[in-house]
Amino acid sequence: MDNYSEQIVKKRVNPAKFTFIVLYFVFAVIFIALTLYLSQYFDWMIPVALLVFAFGCYGGWYLLSHRGIEYEYIVVQGEMTVDKIIGMKKRKRMLKFDVKSIDMLGKLSERPADFDEKQFKDCVYRASDYIESENTYYAALHDIYSKKHCLLYFAPNQKTLETMKPFLKRELRVKIFGK
């Protein structure tokens, strides 16, 4: 029997990013209207107005199409893959690791007092909908691709945790699931 689990976590819309998108469209409309108005008085402004309109439309399309971010966790036979899906079109592999290589695992709200994210330097992955959520877990592990000791923040559901369970080290299994 194969141990298999697949989970998709949709990232919540950040209020700051939403405000940026709204302000972009407001200023784009104002700037396009201004260049179109000025092109009535200056002949050389017509090509500039067309360029501003084209870049404004492209920027709006780019911001809207890359807005939706999802994370996919796939666990197959003790190997976990975390992918980032941008705009439901582009898939980027974040990391792939063997579940047996996890050194520390637990809920983020219950992490040890001496836990320091700085020891992982540039190898920190945030693959969760919201980092401060109650169901966010942390895992210190060895990445197969980068060959580094990495830190992963993720939000697995119960099925994903159960699929990982047989491959975890004994002390982690007892810590997470009890006996």
C-alpha atoms as a PDB file:
ATOM      1  CA  MET A   1       0.000   0.000   0.000  1.00  0.00           C
ATOM      2  CA  ASP A   2       1.326   3.432  -0.939  1.00  0.00           C
ATOM      3  CA  ASN A   3       1.475   6.168   1.643  1.00  0.00           C
ATOM      4  CA  TYR A   4       0.225   9.177  -0.281  1.00  0.00           C
ATOM      5  CA  SER A   5      -1.137  12.566   0.700  1.00  0.00           C
ATOM      6  CA  GLU A   6      -1.733  15.718  -1.278  1.00  0.00           C
ATOM      7  CA  GLN A   7      -2.812  19.031   0.197  1.00  0.00           C
ATOM      8  CA  ILE A   8      -3.233  22.536  -1.202  1.00  0.00           C
ATOM      9  CA  VAL A   9      -3.073  25.552   1.108  1.00  0.00           C
ATOM     10  CA  LYS A  10      -4.256  28.846  -0.314  1.00  0.00           C
ATOM     11  CA  LYS A  11      -2.414  31.917   0.931  1.00  0.00           C
ATOM     12  CA  ARG A  12      -4.625  34.611   2.384  1.00  0.00           C
ATOM     13  CA  VAL A  13      -4.693  38.061   0.785  1.00  0.00           C
ATOM     14  CA  ASN A  14      -2.338  40.402   2.585  1.00  0.00           C
ATOM     15  CA  PRO A  15      -4.086  43.733   3.381  1.00  0.00           C
ATOM     16  CA  ALA A  16      -0.962  45.704   2.449  1.00  0.00           C
ATOM     17  CA  LYS A  17      -0.741  43.998  -0.954  1.00  0.00           C
ATOM     18  CA  PHE A  18      -4.456  44.553  -1.569  1.00  0.00           C
ATOM     19  CA  THR A  19      -4.027  48.268  -0.741  1.00  0.00           C
ATOM     20  CA  PHE A  20      -1.069  48.445  -3.135  1.00  0.00           C
ATOM     21  CA  ILE A  21      -3.134  46.941  -5.976  1.00  0.00           C
ATOM     22  CA  VAL A  22      -6.011  49.373  -5.379  1.00  0.00           C
ATOM     23  CA  LEU A  23      -3.624  52.350  -5.275  1.00  0.00           C
ATOM     24  CA  TYR A  24      -1.914  51.112  -8.452  1.00  0.00           C
ATOM     25  CA  PHE A  25      -5.202  51.113 -10.348  1.00  0.00           C
ATOM     26  CA  VAL A  26      -6.225  54.508  -8.977  1.00  0.00           C
ATOM     27  CA  PHE A  27      -2.920  56.141  -9.978  1.00  0.00           C
ATOM     28  CA  ALA A  28      -2.857  54.308 -13.314  1.00  0.00           C
ATOM     29  CA  VAL A  29      -6.301  55.657 -14.237  1.00  0.00           C
ATOM     30  CA  ILE A  30      -5.312  59.181 -13.152  1.00  0.00           C
ATOM     31  CA  PHE A  31      -2.013  59.052 -15.059  1.00  0.00           C
ATOM     32  CA  ILE A  32      -3.620  57.625 -18.204  1.00  0.00           C
ATOM     33  CA  ALA A  33      -6.382  60.271 -18.100  1.00  0.00           C
ATOM     34  CA  LEU A  34      -3.786  63.013 -17.639  1.00  0.00           C
ATOM     35  CA  THR A  35      -1.653  61.861 -20.588  1.00  0.00           C
ATOM     36  CA  LEU A  36      -4.737  61.506 -22.793  1.00  0.00           C
ATOM     37  CA  TYR A  37      -5.835  65.019 -21.814  1.00  0.00           C
ATOM     38  CA  LEU A  38      -2.377  66.472 -22.516  1.00  0.00           C
ATOM     39  CA  SER A  39      -2.196  64.654 -25.870  1.00  0.00           C
ATOM     40  CA  GLN A  40      -5.011  66.926 -27.123  1.00  0.00           C
ATOM     41  CA  TYR A  41      -2.707  69.934 -26.811  1.00  0.00           C
ATOM     42  CA  PHE A  42       0.650  68.436 -27.707  1.00  0.00           C
ATOM     43  CA  ASP A  43       1.023  66.200 -30.754  1.00  0.00           C
ATOM     44  CA  TRP A  44       4.118  64.486 -29.397  1.00  0.00           C
ATOM     45  CA  MET A  45       2.087  63.240 -26.374  1.00  0.00           C
ATOM     46  CA  ILE A  46      -0.039  60.835 -28.457  1.00  0.00           C
ATOM     47  CA  PRO A  47       2.625  58.072 -28.649  1.00  0.00           C
ATOM     48  CA  VAL A  48       3.482  58.685 -24.985  1.00  0.00           C
ATOM     49  CA  ALA A  49      -0.196  58.306 -24.057  1.00  0.00           C
ATOM     50  CA  LEU A  50      -0.386  55.022 -25.966  1.00  0.00           C
ATOM     51  CA  LEU A  51       2.748  53.713 -24.223  1.00  0.00           C
ATOM     52  CA  VAL A  52       1.448  54.764 -20.803  1.00  0.00           C
ATOM     53  CA  PHE A  53      -1.881  53.073 -21.534  1.00  0.00           C
ATOM     54  CA  ALA A  54      -0.153  49.858 -22.704  1.00  0.00           C
ATOM     55  CA  PHE A  55       2.190  49.706 -19.687  1.00  0.00           C
ATOM     56  CA  GLY A  56      -0.692  50.495 -17.323  1.00  0.00           C
ATOM     57  CA  CYS A  57      -2.772  47.639 -18.750  1.00  0.00           C
ATOM     58  CA  TYR A  58       0.172  45.231 -18.641  1.00  0.00           C
ATOM     59  CA  GLY A  59       1.007  46.165 -15.042  1.00  0.00           C
ATOM     60  CA  GLY A  60      -2.611  45.658 -13.985  1.00  0.00           C
ATOM     61  CA  TRP A  61      -2.779  42.273 -15.719  1.00  0.00           C
ATOM     62  CA  TYR A  62       0.510  41.204 -14.126  1.00  0.00           C
ATOM     63  CA  LEU A  63      -0.575  42.204 -10.616  1.00  0.00           C
ATOM     64  CA  LEU A  64      -3.950  40.480 -10.898  1.00  0.00           C
ATOM     65  CA  SER A  65      -2.667  37.278 -12.502  1.00  0.00           C
ATOM     66  CA  HIS A  66       0.116  36.790  -9.928  1.00  0.00           C
ATOM     67  CA  ARG A  67      -2.069  37.581  -6.956  1.00  0.00           C
ATOM     68  CA  GLY A  68      -3.274  34.081  -6.046  1.00  0.00           C
ATOM     69  CA  ILE A  69      -0.569  32.012  -4.348  1.00  0.00           C
ATOM     70  CA  GLU A  70      -1.089  28.435  -3.213  1.00  0.00           C
ATOM     71  CA  TYR A  71       1.216  25.884  -1.629  1.00  0.00           C
ATOM     72  CA  GLU A  72       0.989  22.186  -2.390  1.00  0.00           C
ATOM     73  CA  TYR A  73       2.320  19.513  -0.032  1.00  0.00           C
ATOM     74  CA  ILE A  74       2.768  16.043  -1.485  1.00  0.00           C
ATOM     75  CA  VAL A  75       3.932  13.140   0.680  1.00  0.00           C
ATOM     76  CA  VAL A  76       4.744   9.885  -1.137  1.00  0.00           C
ATOM     77  CA  GLN A  77       6.474   6.974   0.588  1.00  0.00           C
ATOM     78  CA  GLY A  78       8.265   9.165   3.123  1.00  0.00           C
ATOM     79  CA  GLU A  79       9.357  11.861   0.699  1.00  0.00           C
ATOM     80  CA  MET A  80       7.732  15.287   0.911  1.00  0.00           C
ATOM     81  CA  THR A  81       7.609  17.883  -1.832  1.00  0.00           C
ATOM     82  CA  VAL A  82       6.509  21.482  -1.305  1.00  0.00           C
ATOM     83  CA  ASP A  83       5.522  23.458  -4.417  1.00  0.00           C
ATOM     84  CA  LYS A  84       4.477  27.083  -4.791  1.00  0.00           C
ATOM     85  CA  ILE A  85       1.698  27.685  -7.325  1.00  0.00           C
ATOM     86  CA  ILE A  86       1.415  31.256  -8.581  1.00  0.00           C
ATOM     87  CA  GLY A  87      -1.806  32.389 -10.230  1.00  0.00           C
ATOM     88  CA  MET A  88      -2.889  28.740 -10.741  1.00  0.00           C
ATOM     89  CA  LYS A  89      -0.515  28.656 -13.739  1.00  0.00           C
ATOM     90  CA  LYS A  90       3.106  28.646 -12.708  1.00  0.00           C
ATOM     91  CA  ARG A  91       4.454  25.910 -10.440  1.00  0.00           C
ATOM     92  CA  LYS A  92       7.754  26.323  -8.632  1.00  0.00           C
ATOM     93  CA  ARG A  93       9.393  23.580  -6.562  1.00  0.00           C
ATOM     94  CA  MET A  94      10.336  25.070  -3.210  1.00  0.00           C
ATOM     95  CA  LEU A  95      11.930  22.030  -1.611  1.00  0.00           C
ATOM     96  CA  LYS A  96      11.965  18.264  -1.528  1.00  0.00           C
ATOM     97  CA  PHE A  97      13.102  16.242   1.451  1.00  0.00           C
ATOM     98  CA  ASP A  98      12.966  12.859   3.076  1.00  0.00           C
ATOM     99  CA  VAL A  99      10.648  12.890   6.097  1.00  0.00           C
ATOM    100  CA  LYS A 100      13.286  10.874   7.991  1.00  0.00           C
ATOM    101  CA  SER A 101      15.624  13.889   7.726  1.00  0.00           C
ATOM    102  CA  ILE A 102      13.401  16.045   9.947  1.00  0.00           C
ATOM    103  CA  ASP A 103      15.306  16.914  13.132  1.00  0.00           C
ATOM    104  CA  MET A 104      12.692  19.122  14.825  1.00  0.00           C
ATOM    105  CA  LEU A 105       8.953  19.249  14.246  1.00  0.00           C
ATOM    106  CA  GLY A 106       6.150  20.864  16.177  1.00  0.00           C
ATOM    107  CA  LYS A 107       3.484  23.507  16.330  1.00  0.00           C
ATOM    108  CA  LEU A 108       4.874  26.992  15.945  1.00  0.00           C
ATOM    109  CA  SER A 109       2.977  28.183  19.009  1.00  0.00           C
ATOM    110  CA  GLU A 110       4.699  25.468  21.096  1.00  0.00           C
ATOM    111  CA  ARG A 111       8.275  25.925  19.870  1.00  0.00           C
ATOM    112  CA  PRO A 112      11.097  25.886  22.437  1.00  0.00           C
ATOM    113  CA  ALA A 113      12.221  29.168  23.982  1.00  0.00           C
ATOM    114  CA  ASP A 114      15.783  28.714  22.674  1.00  0.00           C
ATOM    115  CA  PHE A 115      14.595  28.168  19.086  1.00  0.00           C
ATOM    116  CA  ASP A 116      16.333  30.661  16.788  1.00  0.00           C
ATOM    117  CA  GLU A 117      15.464  31.121  13.118  1.00  0.00           C
ATOM    118  CA  LYS A 118      18.808  32.866  12.463  1.00  0.00           C
ATOM    119  CA  GLN A 119      20.735  29.584  12.651  1.00  0.00           C
ATOM    120  CA  PHE A 120      19.173  28.561   9.325  1.00  0.00           C
ATOM    121  CA  LYS A 121      20.493  31.696   7.590  1.00  0.00           C
ATOM    122  CA  ASP A 122      19.107  31.900   4.045  1.00  0.00           C
ATOM    123  CA  CYS A 123      17.305  28.560   4.013  1.00  0.00           C
ATOM    124  CA  VAL A 124      13.910  29.444   5.518  1.00  0.00           C
ATOM    125  CA  TYR A 125      10.749  28.484   3.626  1.00  0.00           C
ATOM    126  CA  ARG A 126       7.334  29.901   4.458  1.00  0.00           C
ATOM    127  CA  ALA A 127       4.719  27.657   2.863  1.00  0.00           C
ATOM    128  CA  SER A 128       1.717  28.475   4.991  1.00  0.00           C
ATOM    129  CA  ASP A 129      -1.392  30.566   4.554  1.00  0.00           C
ATOM    130  CA  TYR A 130      -0.582  32.631   7.646  1.00  0.00           C
ATOM    131  CA  ILE A 131       2.546  32.156   9.761  1.00  0.00           C
ATOM    132  CA  GLU A 132       0.958  33.042  13.115  1.00  0.00           C
ATOM    133  CA  SER A 133      -1.951  30.635  12.619  1.00  0.00           C
ATOM    134  CA  GLU A 134      -2.760  28.011  15.268  1.00  0.00           C
ATOM    135  CA  ASN A 135      -2.214  25.112  12.836  1.00  0.00           C
ATOM    136  CA  THR A 136       1.173  26.281  11.546  1.00  0.00           C
ATOM    137  CA  TYR A 137       4.028  23.825  12.125  1.00  0.00           C
ATOM    138  CA  TYR A 138       7.784  24.268  11.899  1.00  0.00           C
ATOM    139  CA  ALA A 139      10.227  21.624  10.704  1.00  0.00           C
ATOM    140  CA  ALA A 140      14.032  21.664  10.723  1.00  0.00           C
ATOM    141  CA  LEU A 141      15.205  19.379   7.927  1.00  0.00           C
ATOM    142  CA  HIS A 142      17.817  18.594   5.289  1.00  0.00           C
ATOM    143  CA  ASP A 143      16.830  19.680   1.763  1.00  0.00           C
ATOM    144  CA  ILE A 144      17.656  17.172  -0.991  1.00  0.00           C
ATOM    145  CA  TYR A 145      18.339  19.818  -3.650  1.00  0.00           C
ATOM    146  CA  SER A 146      20.269  22.514  -1.797  1.00  0.00           C
ATOM    147  CA  LYS A 147      22.013  20.046   0.571  1.00  0.00           C
ATOM    148  CA  LYS A 148      21.424  22.549   3.391  1.00  0.00           C
ATOM    149  CA  HIS A 149      19.850  22.422   6.816  1.00  0.00           C
ATOM    150  CA  CYS A 150      16.562  24.299   6.290  1.00  0.00           C
ATOM    151  CA  LEU A 151      13.573  25.528   8.233  1.00  0.00           C
ATOM    152  CA  LEU A 152      10.049  25.041   6.871  1.00  0.00           C
ATOM    153  CA  TYR A 153       6.883  26.713   8.109  1.00  0.00           C
ATOM    154  CA  PHE A 154       3.843  24.840   6.828  1.00  0.00           C
ATOM    155  CA  ALA A 155       0.208  24.084   7.714  1.00  0.00           C
ATOM    156  CA  PRO A 156      -0.416  20.357   7.246  1.00  0.00           C
ATOM    157  CA  ASN A 157      -3.843  18.857   7.729  1.00  0.00           C
ATOM    158  CA  GLN A 158      -4.396  15.671   9.737  1.00  0.00           C
ATOM    159  CA  LYS A 159      -4.105  13.408   6.674  1.00  0.00           C
ATOM    160  CA  THR A 160      -0.706  14.859   5.741  1.00  0.00           C
ATOM    161  CA  LEU A 161       0.555  14.399   9.298  1.00  0.00           C
ATOM    162  CA  GLU A 162      -0.746  10.807   9.389  1.00  0.00           C
ATOM    163  CA  THR A 163       1.039  10.062   6.089  1.00  0.00           C
ATOM    164  CA  MET A 164       4.280  11.444   7.520  1.00  0.00           C
ATOM    165  CA  LYS A 165       3.895   9.576  10.827  1.00  0.00           C
ATOM    166  CA  PRO A 166       5.459   6.179   9.929  1.00  0.00           C
ATOM    167  CA  PHE A 167       8.572   7.872   8.546  1.00  0.00           C
ATOM    168  CA  LEU A 168       9.251  10.296  11.406  1.00  0.00           C
ATOM    169  CA  LYS A 169      11.887   9.636  14.019  1.00  0.00           C
ATOM    170  CA  ARG A 170      10.505   7.980  17.134  1.00  0.00           C
ATOM    171  CA  GLU A 171      10.949  10.965  19.478  1.00  0.00           C
ATOM    172  CA  LEU A 172       9.160  13.276  17.025  1.00  0.00           C
ATOM    173  CA  ARG A 173       6.357  10.775  16.524  1.00  0.00           C
ATOM    174  CA  VAL A 174       5.799  10.582  20.295  1.00  0.00           C
ATOM    175  CA  LYS A 175       5.956  14.386  20.627  1.00  0.00           C
ATOM    176  CA  ILE A 176       3.369  15.031  17.890  1.00  0.00           C
ATOM    177  CA  PHE A 177       1.010  12.079  18.176  1.00  0.00           C
ATOM    178  CA  GLY A 178       1.587  10.771  21.669  1.00  0.00           C
ATOM    179  CA  LYS A 179       2.103   7.014  22.121  1.00  0.00           C
END
